[in-house]
Amino acid sequence: MSDKYPPVSFHYIVSFNGIGDKTIDTQFQSVSGLSVEMDTESINEGGENRFAHQLPGRASYTDLVLKRGFAKDSDLIGWFRDTFENMIIKPVTIDISLLNEEHEPLVSWNIVHAWPKKWSMSDLDAEQNAIAIETLEMHYRTFSISS
């Protein structure tokens, strides 16, 4: 692939460290939530009415959202069920890698201390000809990027 063009966003893999090794738990229709924002604190200075100083605070991360076709035989869903049914919260590290045409990582995101927050299923509708999609939402502390 030429360095002249940006990489495509549809060739990636997701791996959950410590949760199974089934291929079904590495392939997703979409990944969102790789976002970080710096919180700010507004400070007013006495005698200065034209503006307020904005000081940096902590970084905040959005939840990670993964979507895929419903998977019946999934270790990942077992991890989610343990969280929701048994209150066993087991945080894991997740690696998301954008791949090149040789299936090698171009860039990777290392998601730290992720745990299940929400699971949802697409609507079941006899009038539609659609794939059943499950959405897996996880909270995490931070991520780092490597290339």
N, C-alpha and C. Protein backbone atom coordinates (compact mmCIF):
# COMPACT_ATOMS: atom_id res chain seq x y z
N MET A 1 0.84 -1.17 0.00
CA MET A 1 0.00 0.00 0.00
C MET A 1 0.89 1.24 0.00
N SER A 2 0.52 2.19 -0.76
CA SER A 2 1.30 3.41 -0.87
C SER A 2 1.09 4.30 0.35
N ASP A 3 2.14 5.01 0.73
CA ASP A 3 2.03 5.96 1.84
C ASP A 3 1.31 7.23 1.42
N LYS A 4 0.94 7.33 0.13
CA LYS A 4 0.25 8.51 -0.37
C LYS A 4 -1.20 8.56 0.08
N TYR A 5 -1.78 7.40 0.35
CA TYR A 5 -3.20 7.32 0.67
C TYR A 5 -3.40 6.87 2.11
N PRO A 6 -4.42 7.38 2.76
CA PRO A 6 -4.71 6.91 4.12
C PRO A 6 -5.21 5.46 4.09
N PRO A 7 -5.02 4.73 5.18
CA PRO A 7 -5.46 3.32 5.20
C PRO A 7 -6.98 3.22 5.22
N VAL A 8 -7.47 2.09 4.77
CA VAL A 8 -8.91 1.82 4.81
C VAL A 8 -9.31 1.46 6.23
N SER A 9 -10.56 1.73 6.57
CA SER A 9 -11.00 1.51 7.96
C SER A 9 -11.78 0.22 8.16
N PHE A 10 -11.89 -0.61 7.11
CA PHE A 10 -12.71 -1.81 7.23
C PHE A 10 -11.91 -3.09 7.49
N HIS A 11 -10.59 -3.00 7.54
CA HIS A 11 -9.76 -4.20 7.73
C HIS A 11 -9.08 -4.11 9.09
N TYR A 12 -9.68 -4.75 10.09
CA TYR A 12 -9.18 -4.67 11.46
C TYR A 12 -9.52 -5.95 12.21
N ILE A 13 -8.90 -6.09 13.37
CA ILE A 13 -9.15 -7.24 14.24
C ILE A 13 -9.18 -6.75 15.68
N VAL A 14 -10.01 -7.39 16.48
CA VAL A 14 -10.15 -7.06 17.90
C VAL A 14 -9.80 -8.30 18.70
N SER A 15 -8.94 -8.16 19.70
CA SER A 15 -8.62 -9.32 20.54
C SER A 15 -8.79 -8.95 22.01
N PHE A 16 -9.41 -9.86 22.73
CA PHE A 16 -9.65 -9.71 24.16
C PHE A 16 -8.66 -10.59 24.89
N ASN A 17 -7.73 -9.99 25.61
CA ASN A 17 -6.70 -10.75 26.31
C ASN A 17 -7.30 -11.47 27.50
N GLY A 18 -7.23 -12.80 27.47
CA GLY A 18 -7.73 -13.61 28.57
C GLY A 18 -9.15 -14.11 28.38
N ILE A 19 -9.78 -13.81 27.24
CA ILE A 19 -11.15 -14.29 26.99
C ILE A 19 -11.16 -15.08 25.71
N GLY A 20 -11.12 -16.39 25.83
CA GLY A 20 -11.23 -17.29 24.69
C GLY A 20 -10.28 -16.99 23.55
N ASP A 21 -10.38 -17.82 22.52
CA ASP A 21 -9.56 -17.64 21.33
C ASP A 21 -10.33 -17.98 20.06
N LYS A 22 -11.65 -17.89 20.15
CA LYS A 22 -12.48 -18.21 18.99
C LYS A 22 -12.46 -17.06 18.00
N THR A 23 -12.43 -17.39 16.74
CA THR A 23 -12.42 -16.37 15.68
C THR A 23 -13.64 -15.47 15.78
N ILE A 24 -14.78 -16.01 16.17
CA ILE A 24 -16.01 -15.21 16.26
C ILE A 24 -15.84 -14.04 17.24
N ASP A 25 -14.94 -14.17 18.20
CA ASP A 25 -14.74 -13.11 19.19
C ASP A 25 -13.65 -12.11 18.78
N THR A 26 -13.23 -12.15 17.52
CA THR A 26 -12.25 -11.18 17.02
C THR A 26 -12.80 -10.35 15.87
N GLN A 27 -13.94 -10.75 15.32
CA GLN A 27 -14.48 -10.10 14.13
C GLN A 27 -15.76 -9.34 14.46
N PHE A 28 -15.78 -8.07 14.09
CA PHE A 28 -16.91 -7.21 14.39
C PHE A 28 -17.30 -6.38 13.18
N GLN A 29 -18.56 -6.07 13.09
CA GLN A 29 -19.09 -5.23 12.01
C GLN A 29 -18.58 -3.81 12.16
N SER A 30 -18.55 -3.32 13.40
CA SER A 30 -18.06 -1.95 13.63
C SER A 30 -17.48 -1.82 15.03
N VAL A 31 -16.56 -0.88 15.13
CA VAL A 31 -15.91 -0.52 16.40
C VAL A 31 -16.02 0.99 16.54
N SER A 32 -16.55 1.46 17.66
CA SER A 32 -16.58 2.91 17.91
C SER A 32 -16.24 3.15 19.38
N GLY A 33 -15.88 4.39 19.67
CA GLY A 33 -15.55 4.74 21.04
C GLY A 33 -14.07 4.95 21.29
N LEU A 34 -13.27 4.96 20.23
CA LEU A 34 -11.85 5.26 20.39
C LEU A 34 -11.72 6.78 20.38
N SER A 35 -12.06 7.37 21.51
CA SER A 35 -12.11 8.82 21.59
C SER A 35 -11.67 9.27 22.98
N VAL A 36 -10.88 10.34 23.01
CA VAL A 36 -10.45 10.92 24.27
C VAL A 36 -10.60 12.43 24.18
N GLU A 37 -10.99 13.02 25.29
CA GLU A 37 -11.20 14.47 25.33
C GLU A 37 -10.65 15.00 26.64
N MET A 38 -10.02 16.14 26.57
CA MET A 38 -9.47 16.78 27.77
C MET A 38 -10.55 17.63 28.42
N ASP A 39 -10.86 17.33 29.68
CA ASP A 39 -11.77 18.17 30.44
C ASP A 39 -11.07 19.49 30.75
N THR A 40 -11.84 20.54 30.91
CA THR A 40 -11.26 21.84 31.24
C THR A 40 -11.98 22.45 32.42
N GLU A 41 -11.28 23.34 33.08
CA GLU A 41 -11.85 24.07 34.20
C GLU A 41 -11.75 25.56 33.86
N SER A 42 -12.86 26.25 34.04
CA SER A 42 -12.90 27.67 33.73
C SER A 42 -12.56 28.47 34.99
N ILE A 43 -11.57 29.37 34.87
CA ILE A 43 -11.14 30.21 35.99
C ILE A 43 -11.35 31.67 35.60
N ASN A 44 -12.12 32.38 36.41
CA ASN A 44 -12.31 33.82 36.19
C ASN A 44 -11.25 34.59 36.94
N GLU A 45 -10.67 35.55 36.26
CA GLU A 45 -9.64 36.39 36.86
C GLU A 45 -10.28 37.70 37.29
N GLY A 46 -10.04 38.09 38.53
CA GLY A 46 -10.61 39.34 39.04
C GLY A 46 -10.19 40.54 38.20
N GLY A 47 -11.13 41.36 37.78
CA GLY A 47 -10.85 42.54 36.99
C GLY A 47 -10.79 42.29 35.49
N GLU A 48 -10.75 41.02 35.07
CA GLU A 48 -10.73 40.68 33.63
C GLU A 48 -12.09 40.11 33.26
N ASN A 49 -12.89 40.90 32.55
CA ASN A 49 -14.25 40.48 32.21
C ASN A 49 -14.40 40.04 30.76
N ARG A 50 -13.34 40.14 29.96
CA ARG A 50 -13.44 39.79 28.55
C ARG A 50 -13.39 38.28 28.29
N PHE A 51 -12.79 37.52 29.17
CA PHE A 51 -12.67 36.08 28.97
C PHE A 51 -12.41 35.40 30.31
N ALA A 52 -12.56 34.09 30.30
CA ALA A 52 -12.20 33.25 31.45
C ALA A 52 -11.06 32.34 31.00
N HIS A 53 -10.12 32.09 31.88
CA HIS A 53 -9.01 31.18 31.57
C HIS A 53 -9.54 29.75 31.55
N GLN A 54 -9.10 28.97 30.57
CA GLN A 54 -9.46 27.55 30.47
C GLN A 54 -8.22 26.73 30.81
N LEU A 55 -8.30 25.97 31.90
CA LEU A 55 -7.17 25.15 32.33
C LEU A 55 -7.48 23.67 32.06
N PRO A 56 -6.47 22.91 31.65
CA PRO A 56 -6.70 21.49 31.38
C PRO A 56 -6.96 20.73 32.68
N GLY A 57 -7.82 19.73 32.57
CA GLY A 57 -8.13 18.86 33.71
C GLY A 57 -7.73 17.44 33.38
N ARG A 58 -8.63 16.51 33.57
CA ARG A 58 -8.38 15.10 33.28
C ARG A 58 -8.88 14.73 31.90
N ALA A 59 -8.29 13.69 31.36
CA ALA A 59 -8.77 13.15 30.10
C ALA A 59 -9.99 12.28 30.38
N SER A 60 -10.97 12.32 29.50
CA SER A 60 -12.14 11.44 29.64
C SER A 60 -12.30 10.65 28.34
N TYR A 61 -12.66 9.39 28.49
CA TYR A 61 -12.77 8.46 27.38
C TYR A 61 -14.22 8.03 27.21
N THR A 62 -14.65 7.90 25.96
CA THR A 62 -16.00 7.42 25.70
C THR A 62 -16.02 5.90 25.83
N ASP A 63 -17.20 5.32 25.93
CA ASP A 63 -17.33 3.86 26.01
C ASP A 63 -17.01 3.23 24.66
N LEU A 64 -16.46 2.03 24.70
CA LEU A 64 -16.14 1.27 23.50
C LEU A 64 -17.39 0.49 23.10
N VAL A 65 -17.78 0.60 21.83
CA VAL A 65 -18.99 -0.06 21.34
C VAL A 65 -18.60 -0.95 20.15
N LEU A 66 -18.91 -2.23 20.27
CA LEU A 66 -18.62 -3.21 19.22
C LEU A 66 -19.94 -3.81 18.74
N LYS A 67 -20.08 -3.94 17.42
CA LYS A 67 -21.30 -4.54 16.85
C LYS A 67 -20.89 -5.70 15.96
N ARG A 68 -21.73 -6.75 16.00
CA ARG A 68 -21.49 -7.92 15.17
C ARG A 68 -22.79 -8.70 15.02
N GLY A 69 -22.78 -9.63 14.08
CA GLY A 69 -23.91 -10.54 13.96
C GLY A 69 -24.00 -11.40 15.21
N PHE A 70 -25.21 -11.70 15.63
CA PHE A 70 -25.42 -12.47 16.85
C PHE A 70 -24.60 -13.75 16.83
N ALA A 71 -23.85 -13.99 17.90
CA ALA A 71 -22.98 -15.16 18.01
C ALA A 71 -23.44 -16.02 19.17
N LYS A 72 -23.91 -17.20 18.87
CA LYS A 72 -24.43 -18.09 19.91
C LYS A 72 -23.33 -18.72 20.75
N ASP A 73 -22.26 -19.18 20.11
CA ASP A 73 -21.17 -19.87 20.80
C ASP A 73 -19.99 -18.92 20.96
N SER A 74 -20.05 -18.07 22.02
CA SER A 74 -19.05 -17.02 22.17
C SER A 74 -18.56 -16.93 23.61
N ASP A 75 -17.24 -17.01 23.78
CA ASP A 75 -16.66 -16.82 25.11
C ASP A 75 -16.85 -15.38 25.58
N LEU A 76 -16.88 -14.47 24.64
CA LEU A 76 -17.09 -13.06 24.95
C LEU A 76 -18.46 -12.83 25.59
N ILE A 77 -19.47 -13.49 25.07
CA ILE A 77 -20.81 -13.37 25.65
C ILE A 77 -20.84 -14.02 27.03
N GLY A 78 -20.05 -15.07 27.24
CA GLY A 78 -19.92 -15.66 28.58
C GLY A 78 -19.37 -14.65 29.57
N TRP A 79 -18.39 -13.85 29.14
CA TRP A 79 -17.82 -12.78 29.98
C TRP A 79 -18.89 -11.74 30.31
N PHE A 80 -19.68 -11.35 29.32
CA PHE A 80 -20.77 -10.41 29.56
C PHE A 80 -21.81 -11.00 30.51
N ARG A 81 -22.17 -12.26 30.31
CA ARG A 81 -23.18 -12.90 31.17
C ARG A 81 -22.69 -12.99 32.61
N ASP A 82 -21.40 -13.32 32.81
CA ASP A 82 -20.85 -13.35 34.17
C ASP A 82 -21.00 -11.99 34.84
N THR A 83 -20.80 -10.93 34.08
CA THR A 83 -20.93 -9.58 34.64
C THR A 83 -22.37 -9.30 35.04
N PHE A 84 -23.30 -9.53 34.13
CA PHE A 84 -24.69 -9.14 34.38
C PHE A 84 -25.47 -10.12 35.25
N GLU A 85 -25.20 -11.41 35.13
CA GLU A 85 -25.97 -12.40 35.88
C GLU A 85 -25.35 -12.74 37.23
N ASN A 86 -24.01 -12.71 37.32
CA ASN A 86 -23.34 -13.15 38.55
C ASN A 86 -22.57 -12.03 39.25
N MET A 87 -22.59 -10.84 38.66
CA MET A 87 -21.86 -9.68 39.21
C MET A 87 -20.36 -9.98 39.38
N ILE A 88 -19.82 -10.76 38.46
CA ILE A 88 -18.38 -11.02 38.45
C ILE A 88 -17.77 -10.05 37.43
N ILE A 89 -17.16 -9.00 37.94
CA ILE A 89 -16.56 -7.97 37.09
C ILE A 89 -15.08 -8.32 36.92
N LYS A 90 -14.71 -8.70 35.70
CA LYS A 90 -13.34 -9.09 35.41
C LYS A 90 -12.81 -8.20 34.29
N PRO A 91 -12.16 -7.07 34.62
CA PRO A 91 -11.62 -6.19 33.59
C PRO A 91 -10.53 -6.88 32.78
N VAL A 92 -10.48 -6.56 31.48
CA VAL A 92 -9.48 -7.13 30.59
C VAL A 92 -8.85 -6.03 29.74
N THR A 93 -7.79 -6.39 29.06
CA THR A 93 -7.14 -5.52 28.09
C THR A 93 -7.60 -5.95 26.70
N ILE A 94 -7.91 -4.98 25.86
CA ILE A 94 -8.37 -5.25 24.51
C ILE A 94 -7.39 -4.61 23.53
N ASP A 95 -7.04 -5.33 22.49
CA ASP A 95 -6.21 -4.79 21.42
C ASP A 95 -7.03 -4.69 20.14
N ILE A 96 -7.02 -3.52 19.55
CA ILE A 96 -7.70 -3.29 18.27
C ILE A 96 -6.62 -2.89 17.28
N SER A 97 -6.50 -3.64 16.20
CA SER A 97 -5.45 -3.38 15.22
C SER A 97 -6.05 -3.12 13.85
N LEU A 98 -5.68 -2.00 13.25
CA LEU A 98 -6.00 -1.70 11.86
C LEU A 98 -4.95 -2.39 11.02
N LEU A 99 -5.38 -3.19 10.03
CA LEU A 99 -4.47 -4.05 9.29
C LEU A 99 -4.21 -3.54 7.87
N ASN A 100 -3.03 -3.89 7.34
CA ASN A 100 -2.72 -3.57 5.95
C ASN A 100 -3.17 -4.73 5.06
N GLU A 101 -2.84 -4.68 3.77
CA GLU A 101 -3.28 -5.72 2.84
C GLU A 101 -2.60 -7.06 3.07
N GLU A 102 -1.50 -7.08 3.82
CA GLU A 102 -0.85 -8.34 4.20
C GLU A 102 -1.35 -8.84 5.56
N HIS A 103 -2.39 -8.22 6.08
CA HIS A 103 -3.00 -8.58 7.37
C HIS A 103 -2.06 -8.32 8.54
N GLU A 104 -1.16 -7.35 8.38
CA GLU A 104 -0.24 -6.95 9.45
C GLU A 104 -0.73 -5.64 10.05
N PRO A 105 -0.53 -5.44 11.36
CA PRO A 105 -1.00 -4.20 12.00
C PRO A 105 -0.29 -2.95 11.47
N LEU A 106 -1.08 -1.97 11.09
CA LEU A 106 -0.57 -0.64 10.74
C LEU A 106 -0.50 0.23 11.99
N VAL A 107 -1.55 0.15 12.78
CA VAL A 107 -1.64 0.88 14.03
C VAL A 107 -2.52 0.06 14.98
N SER A 108 -2.22 0.12 16.27
CA SER A 108 -2.98 -0.64 17.27
C SER A 108 -3.36 0.26 18.43
N TRP A 109 -4.53 -0.02 18.98
CA TRP A 109 -4.99 0.66 20.18
C TRP A 109 -5.05 -0.38 21.29
N ASN A 110 -4.42 -0.09 22.40
CA ASN A 110 -4.42 -0.98 23.55
C ASN A 110 -5.38 -0.38 24.58
N ILE A 111 -6.53 -1.03 24.74
CA ILE A 111 -7.59 -0.57 25.64
C ILE A 111 -7.35 -1.19 27.01
N VAL A 112 -7.26 -0.36 28.04
CA VAL A 112 -6.88 -0.82 29.37
C VAL A 112 -8.09 -0.85 30.31
N HIS A 113 -8.21 -1.95 31.05
CA HIS A 113 -9.20 -2.11 32.12
C HIS A 113 -10.64 -1.97 31.59
N ALA A 114 -10.95 -2.75 30.57
CA ALA A 114 -12.30 -2.73 29.99
C ALA A 114 -13.19 -3.74 30.69
N TRP A 115 -14.44 -3.36 30.90
CA TRP A 115 -15.41 -4.27 31.51
C TRP A 115 -16.79 -4.02 30.89
N PRO A 116 -17.62 -5.08 30.83
CA PRO A 116 -18.92 -4.97 30.19
C PRO A 116 -19.84 -3.96 30.89
N LYS A 117 -20.46 -3.12 30.09
CA LYS A 117 -21.39 -2.12 30.61
C LYS A 117 -22.80 -2.35 30.08
N LYS A 118 -22.91 -2.79 28.82
CA LYS A 118 -24.24 -2.95 28.22
C LYS A 118 -24.17 -3.97 27.09
N TRP A 119 -25.21 -4.78 26.98
CA TRP A 119 -25.39 -5.69 25.86
C TRP A 119 -26.78 -5.45 25.31
N SER A 120 -26.90 -5.35 24.01
CA SER A 120 -28.23 -5.19 23.42
C SER A 120 -28.32 -5.97 22.12
N MET A 121 -29.54 -6.32 21.78
CA MET A 121 -29.85 -7.09 20.57
C MET A 121 -30.70 -6.23 19.67
N SER A 122 -30.46 -6.31 18.37
CA SER A 122 -31.31 -5.57 17.44
C SER A 122 -32.74 -6.09 17.53
N ASP A 123 -33.67 -5.28 17.05
CA ASP A 123 -35.08 -5.68 17.09
C ASP A 123 -35.29 -6.94 16.25
N LEU A 124 -36.14 -7.81 16.75
CA LEU A 124 -36.55 -8.99 15.99
C LEU A 124 -37.84 -8.60 15.28
N ASP A 125 -37.84 -8.62 13.96
CA ASP A 125 -38.95 -8.10 13.19
C ASP A 125 -39.22 -9.01 12.00
N ALA A 126 -40.38 -9.68 12.00
CA ALA A 126 -40.73 -10.61 10.94
C ALA A 126 -40.94 -9.92 9.60
N GLU A 127 -41.09 -8.61 9.60
CA GLU A 127 -41.30 -7.88 8.35
C GLU A 127 -40.01 -7.41 7.70
N GLN A 128 -38.88 -7.67 8.35
CA GLN A 128 -37.58 -7.25 7.83
C GLN A 128 -36.75 -8.48 7.46
N ASN A 129 -35.88 -8.30 6.51
CA ASN A 129 -34.94 -9.35 6.12
C ASN A 129 -33.55 -8.88 6.54
N ALA A 130 -33.29 -8.89 7.85
CA ALA A 130 -32.05 -8.33 8.37
C ALA A 130 -31.35 -9.34 9.28
N ILE A 131 -30.05 -9.18 9.38
CA ILE A 131 -29.25 -10.01 10.28
C ILE A 131 -29.46 -9.55 11.71
N ALA A 132 -29.53 -10.48 12.64
CA ALA A 132 -29.63 -10.14 14.07
C ALA A 132 -28.28 -9.61 14.53
N ILE A 133 -28.25 -8.36 15.00
CA ILE A 133 -27.01 -7.70 15.41
C ILE A 133 -27.01 -7.53 16.92
N GLU A 134 -25.89 -7.94 17.54
CA GLU A 134 -25.73 -7.67 18.97
C GLU A 134 -24.71 -6.55 19.14
N THR A 135 -24.98 -5.71 20.14
CA THR A 135 -24.10 -4.58 20.44
C THR A 135 -23.50 -4.79 21.81
N LEU A 136 -22.17 -4.73 21.89
CA LEU A 136 -21.44 -4.92 23.13
C LEU A 136 -20.80 -3.60 23.51
N GLU A 137 -21.16 -3.08 24.67
CA GLU A 137 -20.63 -1.79 25.12
C GLU A 137 -19.80 -2.01 26.38
N MET A 138 -18.59 -1.43 26.38
CA MET A 138 -17.68 -1.59 27.50
C MET A 138 -17.14 -0.25 27.95
N HIS A 139 -16.96 -0.14 29.24
CA HIS A 139 -16.28 1.03 29.80
C HIS A 139 -14.81 0.68 29.94
N TYR A 140 -13.94 1.67 29.79
CA TYR A 140 -12.51 1.41 29.97
C TYR A 140 -11.85 2.64 30.58
N ARG A 141 -10.65 2.45 31.13
CA ARG A 141 -9.93 3.54 31.78
C ARG A 141 -9.21 4.44 30.79
N THR A 142 -8.43 3.83 29.92
CA THR A 142 -7.58 4.59 29.01
C THR A 142 -7.19 3.73 27.83
N PHE A 143 -6.60 4.33 26.81
CA PHE A 143 -6.00 3.56 25.74
C PHE A 143 -4.70 4.21 25.31
N SER A 144 -3.82 3.39 24.71
CA SER A 144 -2.59 3.90 24.13
C SER A 144 -2.55 3.46 22.68
N ILE A 145 -1.79 4.20 21.87
CA ILE A 145 -1.71 3.92 20.44
C ILE A 145 -0.27 3.56 20.11
N SER A 146 -0.11 2.50 19.32
CA SER A 146 1.23 2.12 18.85
C SER A 146 1.16 1.87 17.36
N SER A 147 2.27 2.15 16.68
CA SER A 147 2.30 1.90 15.23
C SER A 147 3.59 1.20 14.85
